[in-house]
PDB file of N, CA and C in Angstrom:
ATOM      1  N   UNK A   1     -16.911 -16.602   2.399  1.00  0.00           N
ATOM      2  CA  UNK A   1     -15.872 -15.812   1.712  1.00  0.00           C
ATOM      3  C   UNK A   1     -14.747 -15.582   2.757  1.00  0.00           C
ATOM      4  N   UNK A   2     -13.552 -15.803   2.348  1.00  0.00           N
ATOM      5  CA  UNK A   2     -12.396 -15.548   3.236  1.00  0.00           C
ATOM      6  C   UNK A   2     -12.147 -14.029   3.317  1.00  0.00           C
ATOM      7  N   UNK A   3     -11.630 -13.625   4.444  1.00  0.00           N
ATOM      8  CA  UNK A   3     -11.275 -12.257   4.681  1.00  0.00           C
ATOM      9  C   UNK A   3      -9.761 -12.150   4.917  1.00  0.00           C
ATOM     10  N   UNK A   4      -9.191 -11.095   4.440  1.00  0.00           N
ATOM     11  CA  UNK A   4      -7.758 -10.866   4.698  1.00  0.00           C
ATOM     12  C   UNK A   4      -7.528  -9.430   5.085  1.00  0.00           C
ATOM     13  N   UNK A   5      -6.398  -9.207   5.828  1.00  0.00           N
ATOM     14  CA  UNK A   5      -5.955  -7.829   6.121  1.00  0.00           C
ATOM     15  C   UNK A   5      -4.785  -7.516   5.264  1.00  0.00           C
ATOM     16  N   UNK A   6      -4.752  -6.333   4.701  1.00  0.00           N
ATOM     17  CA  UNK A   6      -3.603  -5.916   3.862  1.00  0.00           C
ATOM     18  C   UNK A   6      -3.025  -4.615   4.397  1.00  0.00           C
ATOM     19  N   UNK A   7      -1.696  -4.593   4.487  1.00  0.00           N
ATOM     20  CA  UNK A   7      -1.021  -3.305   4.718  1.00  0.00           C
ATOM     21  C   UNK A   7      -0.632  -2.775   3.361  1.00  0.00           C
ATOM     22  N   UNK A   8      -0.917  -1.478   3.180  1.00  0.00           N
ATOM     23  CA  UNK A   8      -0.600  -0.840   1.899  1.00  0.00           C
ATOM     24  C   UNK A   8       0.467   0.225   2.104  1.00  0.00           C
ATOM     25  N   UNK A   9       1.418   0.307   1.190  1.00  0.00           N
ATOM     26  CA  UNK A   9       2.418   1.392   1.196  1.00  0.00           C
ATOM     27  C   UNK A   9       2.295   2.068  -0.149  1.00  0.00           C
ATOM     28  N   UNK A  10       1.907   3.345  -0.091  1.00  0.00           N
ATOM     29  CA  UNK A  10       1.669   4.116  -1.307  1.00  0.00           C
ATOM     30  C   UNK A  10       2.625   5.308  -1.328  1.00  0.00           C
ATOM     31  N   UNK A  11       3.331   5.437  -2.499  1.00  0.00           N
ATOM     32  CA  UNK A  11       4.178   6.629  -2.738  1.00  0.00           C
ATOM     33  C   UNK A  11       3.293   7.685  -3.340  1.00  0.00           C
ATOM     34  N   UNK A  12       2.861   8.626  -2.542  1.00  0.00           N
ATOM     35  CA  UNK A  12       1.872   9.662  -3.005  1.00  0.00           C
ATOM     36  C   UNK A  12       2.496  10.581  -4.055  1.00  0.00           C
ATOM     37  N   UNK A  13       3.782  10.602  -4.167  1.00  0.00           N
ATOM     38  CA  UNK A  13       4.417  11.485  -5.210  1.00  0.00           C
ATOM     39  C   UNK A  13       4.205  10.916  -6.592  1.00  0.00           C
ATOM     40  N   UNK A  14       3.806   9.653  -6.708  1.00  0.00           N
ATOM     41  CA  UNK A  14       3.566   8.980  -7.999  1.00  0.00           C
ATOM     42  C   UNK A  14       2.108   9.132  -8.477  1.00  0.00           C
ATOM     43  N   UNK A  15       1.267   9.729  -7.651  1.00  0.00           N
ATOM     44  CA  UNK A  15      -0.124   9.895  -7.999  1.00  0.00           C
ATOM     45  C   UNK A  15      -0.268  10.899  -9.137  1.00  0.00           C
ATOM     46  N   UNK A  16      -0.971  10.508 -10.222  1.00  0.00           N
ATOM     47  CA  UNK A  16      -1.215  11.430 -11.348  1.00  0.00           C
ATOM     48  C   UNK A  16      -2.436  12.307 -10.880  1.00  0.00           C
ATOM     49  N   UNK A  17      -2.124  13.495 -10.462  1.00  0.00           N
ATOM     50  CA  UNK A  17      -3.085  14.376  -9.826  1.00  0.00           C
ATOM     51  C   UNK A  17      -4.243  14.830 -10.720  1.00  0.00           C
ATOM     52  N   UNK A  18      -4.002  14.797 -12.053  1.00  0.00           N
ATOM     53  CA  UNK A  18      -5.099  15.152 -12.998  1.00  0.00           C
ATOM     54  C   UNK A  18      -6.284  14.187 -12.934  1.00  0.00           C
ATOM     55  N   UNK A  19      -6.060  12.978 -12.311  1.00  0.00           N
ATOM     56  CA  UNK A  19      -7.137  12.003 -12.269  1.00  0.00           C
ATOM     57  C   UNK A  19      -7.758  11.945 -10.857  1.00  0.00           C
ATOM     58  N   UNK A  20      -7.383  12.895  -9.924  1.00  0.00           N
ATOM     59  CA  UNK A  20      -8.120  12.969  -8.659  1.00  0.00           C
ATOM     60  C   UNK A  20      -9.413  13.637  -8.983  1.00  0.00           C
ATOM     61  N   UNK A  21     -10.416  13.356  -8.203  1.00  0.00           N
ATOM     62  CA  UNK A  21     -11.707  13.909  -8.507  1.00  0.00           C
ATOM     63  C   UNK A  21     -12.396  14.324  -7.209  1.00  0.00           C
ATOM     64  N   UNK A  22     -13.217  15.386  -7.331  1.00  0.00           N
ATOM     65  CA  UNK A  22     -13.995  15.908  -6.244  1.00  0.00           C
ATOM     66  C   UNK A  22     -15.243  15.055  -6.067  1.00  0.00           C
ATOM     67  N   UNK A  23     -15.510  14.733  -4.820  1.00  0.00           N
ATOM     68  CA  UNK A  23     -16.693  14.030  -4.479  1.00  0.00           C
ATOM     69  C   UNK A  23     -17.444  14.817  -3.439  1.00  0.00           C
ATOM     70  N   UNK A  24     -18.544  14.279  -2.939  1.00  0.00           N
ATOM     71  CA  UNK A  24     -19.382  15.031  -2.034  1.00  0.00           C
ATOM     72  C   UNK A  24     -18.676  15.316  -0.716  1.00  0.00           C
ATOM     73  N   UNK A  25     -17.752  14.412  -0.273  1.00  0.00           N
ATOM     74  CA  UNK A  25     -17.114  14.595   1.011  1.00  0.00           C
ATOM     75  C   UNK A  25     -15.622  14.790   0.932  1.00  0.00           C
ATOM     76  N   UNK A  26     -15.074  15.047  -0.243  1.00  0.00           N
ATOM     77  CA  UNK A  26     -13.621  15.282  -0.329  1.00  0.00           C
ATOM     78  C   UNK A  26     -13.091  14.998  -1.744  1.00  0.00           C
ATOM     79  N   UNK A  27     -11.772  14.949  -1.777  1.00  0.00           N
ATOM     80  CA  UNK A  27     -11.052  14.656  -3.070  1.00  0.00           C
ATOM     81  C   UNK A  27     -10.627  13.167  -3.044  1.00  0.00           C
ATOM     82  N   UNK A  28     -10.868  12.457  -4.154  1.00  0.00           N
ATOM     83  CA  UNK A  28     -10.769  11.015  -4.201  1.00  0.00           C
ATOM     84  C   UNK A  28      -9.739  10.603  -5.262  1.00  0.00           C
ATOM     85  N   UNK A  29      -9.218   9.419  -5.044  1.00  0.00           N
ATOM     86  CA  UNK A  29      -8.301   8.736  -5.964  1.00  0.00           C
ATOM     87  C   UNK A  29      -8.854   7.314  -6.170  1.00  0.00           C
ATOM     88  N   UNK A  30      -8.991   6.895  -7.375  1.00  0.00           N
ATOM     89  CA  UNK A  30      -9.310   5.525  -7.680  1.00  0.00           C
ATOM     90  C   UNK A  30      -8.017   4.743  -7.831  1.00  0.00           C
ATOM     91  N   UNK A  31      -7.927   3.610  -7.167  1.00  0.00           N
ATOM     92  CA  UNK A  31      -6.760   2.747  -7.229  1.00  0.00           C
ATOM     93  C   UNK A  31      -7.202   1.268  -7.228  1.00  0.00           C
ATOM     94  N   UNK A  32      -6.378   0.442  -7.794  1.00  0.00           N
ATOM     95  CA  UNK A  32      -6.642  -0.975  -7.845  1.00  0.00           C
ATOM     96  C   UNK A  32      -5.435  -1.706  -7.216  1.00  0.00           C
ATOM     97  N   UNK A  33      -5.718  -2.742  -6.443  1.00  0.00           N
ATOM     98  CA  UNK A  33      -4.640  -3.571  -5.947  1.00  0.00           C
ATOM     99  C   UNK A  33      -4.780  -5.015  -6.494  1.00  0.00           C
ATOM    100  N   UNK A  34      -3.681  -5.484  -6.986  1.00  0.00           N
ATOM    101  CA  UNK A  34      -3.653  -6.898  -7.490  1.00  0.00           C
ATOM    102  C   UNK A  34      -2.951  -7.717  -6.402  1.00  0.00           C
ATOM    103  N   UNK A  35      -3.621  -8.781  -5.939  1.00  0.00           N
ATOM    104  CA  UNK A  35      -3.110  -9.534  -4.808  1.00  0.00           C
ATOM    105  C   UNK A  35      -2.939 -11.024  -5.177  1.00  0.00           C
ATOM    106  N   UNK A  36      -1.808 -11.591  -4.813  1.00  0.00           N
ATOM    107  CA  UNK A  36      -1.529 -13.045  -5.012  1.00  0.00           C
ATOM    108  C   UNK A  36      -1.302 -13.563  -3.613  1.00  0.00           C
ATOM    109  N   UNK A  37      -2.320 -14.213  -3.036  1.00  0.00           N
ATOM    110  CA  UNK A  37      -2.227 -14.692  -1.624  1.00  0.00           C
ATOM    111  C   UNK A  37      -1.220 -15.805  -1.462  1.00  0.00           C
ATOM    112  N   UNK A  38      -0.972 -16.539  -2.522  1.00  0.00           N
ATOM    113  CA  UNK A  38      -0.085 -17.706  -2.449  1.00  0.00           C
ATOM    114  C   UNK A  38       1.386 -17.426  -2.618  1.00  0.00           C
ATOM    115  N   UNK A  39       1.681 -16.267  -3.179  1.00  0.00           N
ATOM    116  CA  UNK A  39       3.123 -15.964  -3.474  1.00  0.00           C
ATOM    117  C   UNK A  39       3.421 -14.558  -3.003  1.00  0.00           C
ATOM    118  N   UNK A  40       4.625 -14.432  -2.411  1.00  0.00           N
ATOM    119  CA  UNK A  40       5.164 -13.137  -1.990  1.00  0.00           C
ATOM    120  C   UNK A  40       6.466 -12.882  -2.728  1.00  0.00           C
ATOM    121  N   UNK A  41       6.760 -11.616  -2.939  1.00  0.00           N
ATOM    122  CA  UNK A  41       8.052 -11.264  -3.614  1.00  0.00           C
ATOM    123  C   UNK A  41       9.161 -11.339  -2.536  1.00  0.00           C
ATOM    124  N   UNK A  42      10.338 -10.938  -2.979  1.00  0.00           N
ATOM    125  CA  UNK A  42      11.496 -11.025  -2.108  1.00  0.00           C
ATOM    126  C   UNK A  42      11.383 -10.085  -0.876  1.00  0.00           C
ATOM    127  N   UNK A  43      10.445  -9.151  -0.904  1.00  0.00           N
ATOM    128  CA  UNK A  43      10.212  -8.196   0.257  1.00  0.00           C
ATOM    129  C   UNK A  43       8.992  -8.596   1.053  1.00  0.00           C
ATOM    130  N   UNK A  44       8.366  -9.704   0.733  1.00  0.00           N
ATOM    131  CA  UNK A  44       7.199 -10.139   1.482  1.00  0.00           C
ATOM    132  C   UNK A  44       5.891  -9.507   0.968  1.00  0.00           C
ATOM    133  N   UNK A  45       5.957  -8.797  -0.130  1.00  0.00           N
ATOM    134  CA  UNK A  45       4.712  -8.179  -0.695  1.00  0.00           C
ATOM    135  C   UNK A  45       3.922  -9.148  -1.489  1.00  0.00           C
ATOM    136  N   UNK A  46       2.603  -9.060  -1.425  1.00  0.00           N
ATOM    137  CA  UNK A  46       1.714  -9.961  -2.134  1.00  0.00           C
ATOM    138  C   UNK A  46       0.961  -9.278  -3.277  1.00  0.00           C
ATOM    139  N   UNK A  47       1.248  -8.036  -3.517  1.00  0.00           N
ATOM    140  CA  UNK A  47       0.573  -7.372  -4.595  1.00  0.00           C
ATOM    141  C   UNK A  47       1.072  -5.986  -4.845  1.00  0.00           C
ATOM    142  N   UNK A  48       0.484  -5.385  -5.840  1.00  0.00           N
ATOM    143  CA  UNK A  48       0.894  -3.988  -6.168  1.00  0.00           C
ATOM    144  C   UNK A  48      -0.363  -3.146  -6.335  1.00  0.00           C
ATOM    145  N   UNK A  49      -0.175  -1.825  -6.114  1.00  0.00           N
ATOM    146  CA  UNK A  49      -1.290  -0.886  -6.185  1.00  0.00           C
ATOM    147  C   UNK A  49      -1.050   0.017  -7.382  1.00  0.00           C
ATOM    148  N   UNK A  50      -2.020   0.120  -8.218  1.00  0.00           N
ATOM    149  CA  UNK A  50      -1.904   1.012  -9.401  1.00  0.00           C
ATOM    150  C   UNK A  50      -3.021   2.032  -9.343  1.00  0.00           C
ATOM    151  N   UNK A  51      -2.757   3.229  -9.858  1.00  0.00           N
ATOM    152  CA  UNK A  51      -3.816   4.245  -9.958  1.00  0.00           C
ATOM    153  C   UNK A  51      -4.775   3.788 -11.108  1.00  0.00           C
ATOM    154  N   UNK A  52      -6.064   4.047 -10.937  1.00  0.00           N
ATOM    155  CA  UNK A  52      -7.025   3.622 -11.921  1.00  0.00           C
ATOM    156  C   UNK A  52      -7.912   4.792 -12.255  1.00  0.00           C
ATOM    157  N   UNK A  53      -8.355   4.858 -13.514  1.00  0.00           N
ATOM    158  CA  UNK A  53      -9.362   5.764 -13.892  1.00  0.00           C
ATOM    159  C   UNK A  53     -10.049   5.260 -15.131  1.00  0.00           C
ATOM    160  N   UNK A  54     -11.237   5.837 -15.450  1.00  0.00           N
ATOM    161  CA  UNK A  54     -12.017   5.388 -16.580  1.00  0.00           C
ATOM    162  C   UNK A  54     -11.198   5.592 -17.840  1.00  0.00           C
ATOM    163  N   UNK A  55     -11.210   4.648 -18.708  1.00  0.00           N
ATOM    164  CA  UNK A  55     -10.506   4.694 -19.984  1.00  0.00           C
ATOM    165  C   UNK A  55      -9.013   4.758 -19.831  1.00  0.00           C
ATOM    166  N   UNK A  56      -8.424   4.258 -18.746  1.00  0.00           N
ATOM    167  CA  UNK A  56      -6.989   4.233 -18.564  1.00  0.00           C
ATOM    168  C   UNK A  56      -6.402   3.241 -19.528  1.00  0.00           C
ATOM    169  N   UNK A  57      -5.252   3.590 -20.179  1.00  0.00           N
ATOM    170  CA  UNK A  57      -4.618   2.622 -21.039  1.00  0.00           C
ATOM    171  C   UNK A  57      -4.107   1.412 -20.265  1.00  0.00           C
ATOM    172  N   UNK A  58      -4.400   0.228 -20.749  1.00  0.00           N
ATOM    173  CA  UNK A  58      -3.978  -1.018 -20.047  1.00  0.00           C
ATOM    174  C   UNK A  58      -2.453  -1.038 -19.828  1.00  0.00           C
ATOM    175  N   UNK A  59      -2.040  -1.229 -18.616  1.00  0.00           N
ATOM    176  CA  UNK A  59      -0.633  -1.348 -18.296  1.00  0.00           C
ATOM    177  C   UNK A  59       0.109  -0.027 -18.269  1.00  0.00           C
ATOM    178  N   UNK A  60      -0.596   1.046 -18.348  1.00  0.00           N
ATOM    179  CA  UNK A  60       0.066   2.390 -18.489  1.00  0.00           C
ATOM    180  C   UNK A  60      -0.241   3.299 -17.284  1.00  0.00           C
ATOM    181  N   UNK A  61      -0.945   2.731 -16.298  1.00  0.00           N
ATOM    182  CA  UNK A  61      -1.261   3.572 -15.136  1.00  0.00           C
ATOM    183  C   UNK A  61      -0.108   3.536 -14.118  1.00  0.00           C
ATOM    184  N   UNK A  62       0.122   4.490 -13.352  1.00  0.00           N
ATOM    185  CA  UNK A  62       1.288   4.502 -12.437  1.00  0.00           C
ATOM    186  C   UNK A  62       1.197   3.447 -11.298  1.00  0.00           C
ATOM    187  N   UNK A  63       2.261   2.767 -11.060  1.00  0.00           N
ATOM    188  CA  UNK A  63       2.325   1.855  -9.915  1.00  0.00           C
ATOM    189  C   UNK A  63       2.584   2.764  -8.664  1.00  0.00           C
ATOM    190  N   UNK A  64       1.666   2.697  -7.732  1.00  0.00           N
ATOM    191  CA  UNK A  64       1.770   3.606  -6.582  1.00  0.00           C
ATOM    192  C   UNK A  64       2.446   2.953  -5.395  1.00  0.00           C
ATOM    193  N   UNK A  65       2.443   1.620  -5.317  1.00  0.00           N
ATOM    194  CA  UNK A  65       3.024   0.950  -4.163  1.00  0.00           C
ATOM    195  C   UNK A  65       2.757  -0.516  -4.086  1.00  0.00           C
ATOM    196  N   UNK A  66       2.824  -1.060  -2.885  1.00  0.00           N
ATOM    197  CA  UNK A  66       2.686  -2.530  -2.685  1.00  0.00           C
ATOM    198  C   UNK A  66       1.711  -2.812  -1.574  1.00  0.00           C
ATOM    199  N   UNK A  67       1.259  -4.069  -1.587  1.00  0.00           N
ATOM    200  CA  UNK A  67       0.384  -4.534  -0.504  1.00  0.00           C
ATOM    201  C   UNK A  67       0.938  -5.796   0.056  1.00  0.00           C
ATOM    202  N   UNK A  68       0.745  -5.945   1.360  1.00  0.00           N
ATOM    203  CA  UNK A  68       1.277  -7.162   2.109  1.00  0.00           C
ATOM    204  C   UNK A  68       0.158  -7.717   2.967  1.00  0.00           C
ATOM    205  N   UNK A  69      -0.089  -8.978   2.840  1.00  0.00           N
ATOM    206  CA  UNK A  69      -1.097  -9.632   3.657  1.00  0.00           C
ATOM    207  C   UNK A  69      -0.523  -9.758   5.018  1.00  0.00           C
ATOM    208  N   UNK A  70      -1.232  -9.327   6.043  1.00  0.00           N
ATOM    209  CA  UNK A  70      -0.792  -9.523   7.426  1.00  0.00           C
ATOM    210  C   UNK A  70      -1.762 -10.353   8.274  1.00  0.00           C
ATOM    211  N   UNK A  71      -2.996 -10.604   7.738  1.00  0.00           N
ATOM    212  CA  UNK A  71      -3.970 -11.341   8.512  1.00  0.00           C
ATOM    213  C   UNK A  71      -4.894 -12.020   7.538  1.00  0.00           C
ATOM    214  N   UNK A  72      -5.295 -13.255   7.964  1.00  0.00           N
ATOM    215  CA  UNK A  72      -6.404 -13.975   7.258  1.00  0.00           C
ATOM    216  C   UNK A  72      -7.547 -14.219   8.228  1.00  0.00           C
ATOM    217  N   UNK A  73      -8.709 -14.629   7.740  1.00  0.00           N
ATOM    218  CA  UNK A  73      -9.876 -14.681   8.628  1.00  0.00           C
ATOM    219  C   UNK A  73      -9.774 -15.720   9.726  1.00  0.00           C
ATOM    220  N   UNK A  74      -8.756 -16.519   9.775  1.00  0.00           N
ATOM    221  CA  UNK A  74      -8.605 -17.407  10.878  1.00  0.00           C
ATOM    222  C   UNK A  74      -7.975 -16.679  12.082  1.00  0.00           C
ATOM    223  N   UNK A  75      -7.692 -15.381  11.928  1.00  0.00           N
ATOM    224  CA  UNK A  75      -7.195 -14.582  12.983  1.00  0.00           C
ATOM    225  C   UNK A  75      -5.742 -14.741  13.368  1.00  0.00           C
ATOM    226  N   UNK A  76      -5.016 -15.528  12.616  1.00  0.00           N
ATOM    227  CA  UNK A  76      -3.572 -15.736  12.888  1.00  0.00           C
ATOM    228  C   UNK A  76      -2.758 -14.955  11.894  1.00  0.00           C
ATOM    229  N   UNK A  77      -1.641 -14.501  12.423  1.00  0.00           N
ATOM    230  CA  UNK A  77      -0.663 -13.829  11.555  1.00  0.00           C
ATOM    231  C   UNK A  77      -0.100 -14.882  10.580  1.00  0.00           C
ATOM    232  N   UNK A  78       0.299 -14.449   9.414  1.00  0.00           N
ATOM    233  CA  UNK A  78       0.823 -15.361   8.389  1.00  0.00           C
ATOM    234  C   UNK A  78       2.244 -15.835   8.739  1.00  0.00           C
ATOM    235  N   UNK A  79       2.547 -17.032   8.337  1.00  0.00           N
ATOM    236  CA  UNK A  79       3.833 -17.639   8.654  1.00  0.00           C
ATOM    237  C   UNK A  79       4.967 -16.984   7.889  1.00  0.00           C
ATOM    238  N   UNK A  80       4.615 -16.275   6.776  1.00  0.00           N
ATOM    239  CA  UNK A  80       5.717 -15.651   5.977  1.00  0.00           C
ATOM    240  C   UNK A  80       6.252 -14.413   6.624  1.00  0.00           C
ATOM    241  N   UNK A  81       5.586 -13.885   7.645  1.00  0.00           N
ATOM    242  CA  UNK A  81       6.070 -12.650   8.297  1.00  0.00           C
ATOM    243  C   UNK A  81       7.311 -12.967   9.107  1.00  0.00           C
ATOM    244  N   UNK A  82       8.217 -12.017   9.189  1.00  0.00           N
ATOM    245  CA  UNK A  82       9.416 -12.207   9.914  1.00  0.00           C
ATOM    246  C   UNK A  82       9.102 -12.315  11.399  1.00  0.00           C
ATOM    247  N   UNK A  83       9.821 -13.142  12.106  1.00  0.00           N
ATOM    248  CA  UNK A  83       9.721 -13.313  13.537  1.00  0.00           C
ATOM    249  C   UNK A  83      10.269 -12.042  14.200  1.00  0.00           C
ATOM    250  N   UNK A  84       9.649 -11.643  15.349  1.00  0.00           N
ATOM    251  CA  UNK A  84      10.144 -10.473  16.050  1.00  0.00           C
ATOM    252  C   UNK A  84      11.560 -10.662  16.477  1.00  0.00           C
ATOM    253  N   UNK A  85      12.369  -9.546  16.521  1.00  0.00           N
ATOM    254  CA  UNK A  85      13.704  -9.606  16.966  1.00  0.00           C
ATOM    255  C   UNK A  85      13.742  -9.987  18.450  1.00  0.00           C
ATOM    256  N   UNK A  86      14.963 -10.508  18.804  1.00  0.00           N
ATOM    257  CA  UNK A  86      15.128 -10.943  20.243  1.00  0.00           C
ATOM    258  C   UNK A  86      14.897  -9.726  21.093  1.00  0.00           C
ATOM    259  N   UNK A  87      14.358  -9.949  22.273  1.00  0.00           N
ATOM    260  CA  UNK A  87      14.053  -8.887  23.205  1.00  0.00           C
ATOM    261  C   UNK A  87      15.314  -8.175  23.644  1.00  0.00           C
ATOM    262  N   UNK A  88      16.492  -8.828  23.612  1.00  0.00           N
ATOM    263  CA  UNK A  88      17.715  -8.175  24.090  1.00  0.00           C
ATOM    264  C   UNK A  88      18.156  -7.045  23.167  1.00  0.00           C
ATOM    265  N   UNK A  89      17.736  -7.062  21.889  1.00  0.00           N
ATOM    266  CA  UNK A  89      18.094  -6.003  20.992  1.00  0.00           C
ATOM    267  C   UNK A  89      17.132  -4.827  21.139  1.00  0.00           C
ATOM    268  N   UNK A  90      17.687  -3.620  21.334  1.00  0.00           N
ATOM    269  CA  UNK A  90      16.828  -2.487  21.454  1.00  0.00           C
ATOM    270  C   UNK A  90      16.611  -1.823  20.108  1.00  0.00           C
ATOM    271  N   UNK A  91      15.391  -1.362  19.890  1.00  0.00           N
ATOM    272  CA  UNK A  91      15.132  -0.607  18.655  1.00  0.00           C
ATOM    273  C   UNK A  91      15.581   0.823  18.760  1.00  0.00           C
ATOM    274  N   UNK A  92      16.094   1.403  17.666  1.00  0.00           N
ATOM    275  CA  UNK A  92      16.477   2.782  17.779  1.00  0.00           C
ATOM    276  C   UNK A  92      15.228   3.631  17.908  1.00  0.00           C
ATOM    277  N   UNK A  93      15.388   4.829  18.581  1.00  0.00           N
ATOM    278  CA  UNK A  93      14.260   5.729  18.785  1.00  0.00           C
ATOM    279  C   UNK A  93      13.690   6.132  17.412  1.00  0.00           C
ATOM    280  N   UNK A  94      12.352   6.335  17.385  1.00  0.00           N
ATOM    281  CA  UNK A  94      11.748   6.764  16.124  1.00  0.00           C
ATOM    282  C   UNK A  94      12.054   8.196  15.865  1.00  0.00           C
ATOM    283  N   UNK A  95      12.236   8.504  14.645  1.00  0.00           N
ATOM    284  CA  UNK A  95      12.552   9.839  14.157  1.00  0.00           C
ATOM    285  C   UNK A  95      11.477  10.322  13.137  1.00  0.00           C
ATOM    286  N   UNK A  96      11.341  11.572  12.941  1.00  0.00           N
ATOM    287  CA  UNK A  96      10.434  12.055  11.925  1.00  0.00           C
ATOM    288  C   UNK A  96      10.925  11.630  10.514  1.00  0.00           C
ATOM    289  N   UNK A  97      10.019  11.251   9.654  1.00  0.00           N
ATOM    290  CA  UNK A  97      10.443  10.915   8.269  1.00  0.00           C
ATOM    291  C   UNK A  97      11.001  12.077   7.552  1.00  0.00           C
ATOM    292  N   UNK A  98      11.948  11.827   6.682  1.00  0.00           N
ATOM    293  CA  UNK A  98      12.602  12.836   5.938  1.00  0.00           C
ATOM    294  C   UNK A  98      12.004  12.928   4.548  1.00  0.00           C
ATOM    295  N   UNK A  99      11.092  13.862   4.310  1.00  0.00           N
ATOM    296  CA  UNK A  99      10.474  14.052   3.013  1.00  0.00           C
ATOM    297  C   UNK A  99      10.071  15.510   2.869  1.00  0.00           C
ATOM    298  N   UNK A 100       9.944  15.900   1.604  1.00  0.00           N
ATOM    299  CA  UNK A 100       9.546  17.272   1.300  1.00  0.00           C
ATOM    300  C   UNK A 100       8.004  17.383   1.355  1.00  0.00           C
ATOM    301  N   UNK A 101       7.550  18.466   1.897  1.00  0.00           N
ATOM    302  CA  UNK A 101       6.152  18.748   1.958  1.00  0.00           C
ATOM    303  C   UNK A 101       5.733  19.297   0.602  1.00  0.00           C
ATOM    304  N   UNK A 102       4.634  18.749   0.075  1.00  0.00           N
ATOM    305  CA  UNK A 102       4.120  19.129  -1.184  1.00  0.00           C
ATOM    306  C   UNK A 102       2.702  19.626  -0.986  1.00  0.00           C
ATOM    307  N   UNK A 103       2.504  20.932  -0.916  1.00  0.00           N
ATOM    308  CA  UNK A 103       1.078  21.421  -0.621  1.00  0.00           C
ATOM    309  C   UNK A 103       0.103  21.270  -1.758  1.00  0.00           C
ATOM    310  N   UNK A 104       0.565  20.772  -2.916  1.00  0.00           N
ATOM    311  CA  UNK A 104      -0.343  20.487  -3.990  1.00  0.00           C
ATOM    312  C   UNK A 104      -1.143  19.215  -3.813  1.00  0.00           C
ATOM    313  N   UNK A 105      -0.650  18.351  -2.931  1.00  0.00           N
ATOM    314  CA  UNK A 105      -1.413  17.140  -2.635  1.00  0.00           C
ATOM    315  C   UNK A 105      -2.497  17.445  -1.663  1.00  0.00           C
ATOM    316  N   UNK A 106      -3.753  17.126  -1.926  1.00  0.00           N
ATOM    317  CA  UNK A 106      -4.878  17.580  -1.150  1.00  0.00           C
ATOM    318  C   UNK A 106      -5.019  16.890   0.233  1.00  0.00           C
ATOM    319  N   UNK A 107      -4.103  16.160   0.691  1.00  0.00           N
ATOM    320  CA  UNK A 107      -4.285  15.479   1.968  1.00  0.00           C
ATOM    321  C   UNK A 107      -2.974  15.530   2.729  1.00  0.00           C
TER     322      UNK A 107
END
């Protein structure tokens, strides 16, 4: 079986909190990722992540984010990834993300 590495980007503000559930070790979210290894969208994403729950209406669950393949089991980065910028260009210093804190999210 082939193995892949996926980077996931999830917009936690889109999580339908009524479908979070308590487990033995914490609060959980069921999600599903659909992956197309052979095709990437215009942003390099290979799939999307949707929230999932029992008896969810087909096609009506929130899209939470995207997934991007960054590694396959041959250990090489994929050719669709952008090449690193030239060393002469300096990256701007990292800053804190600008978002509102929502204490109703359990993580």
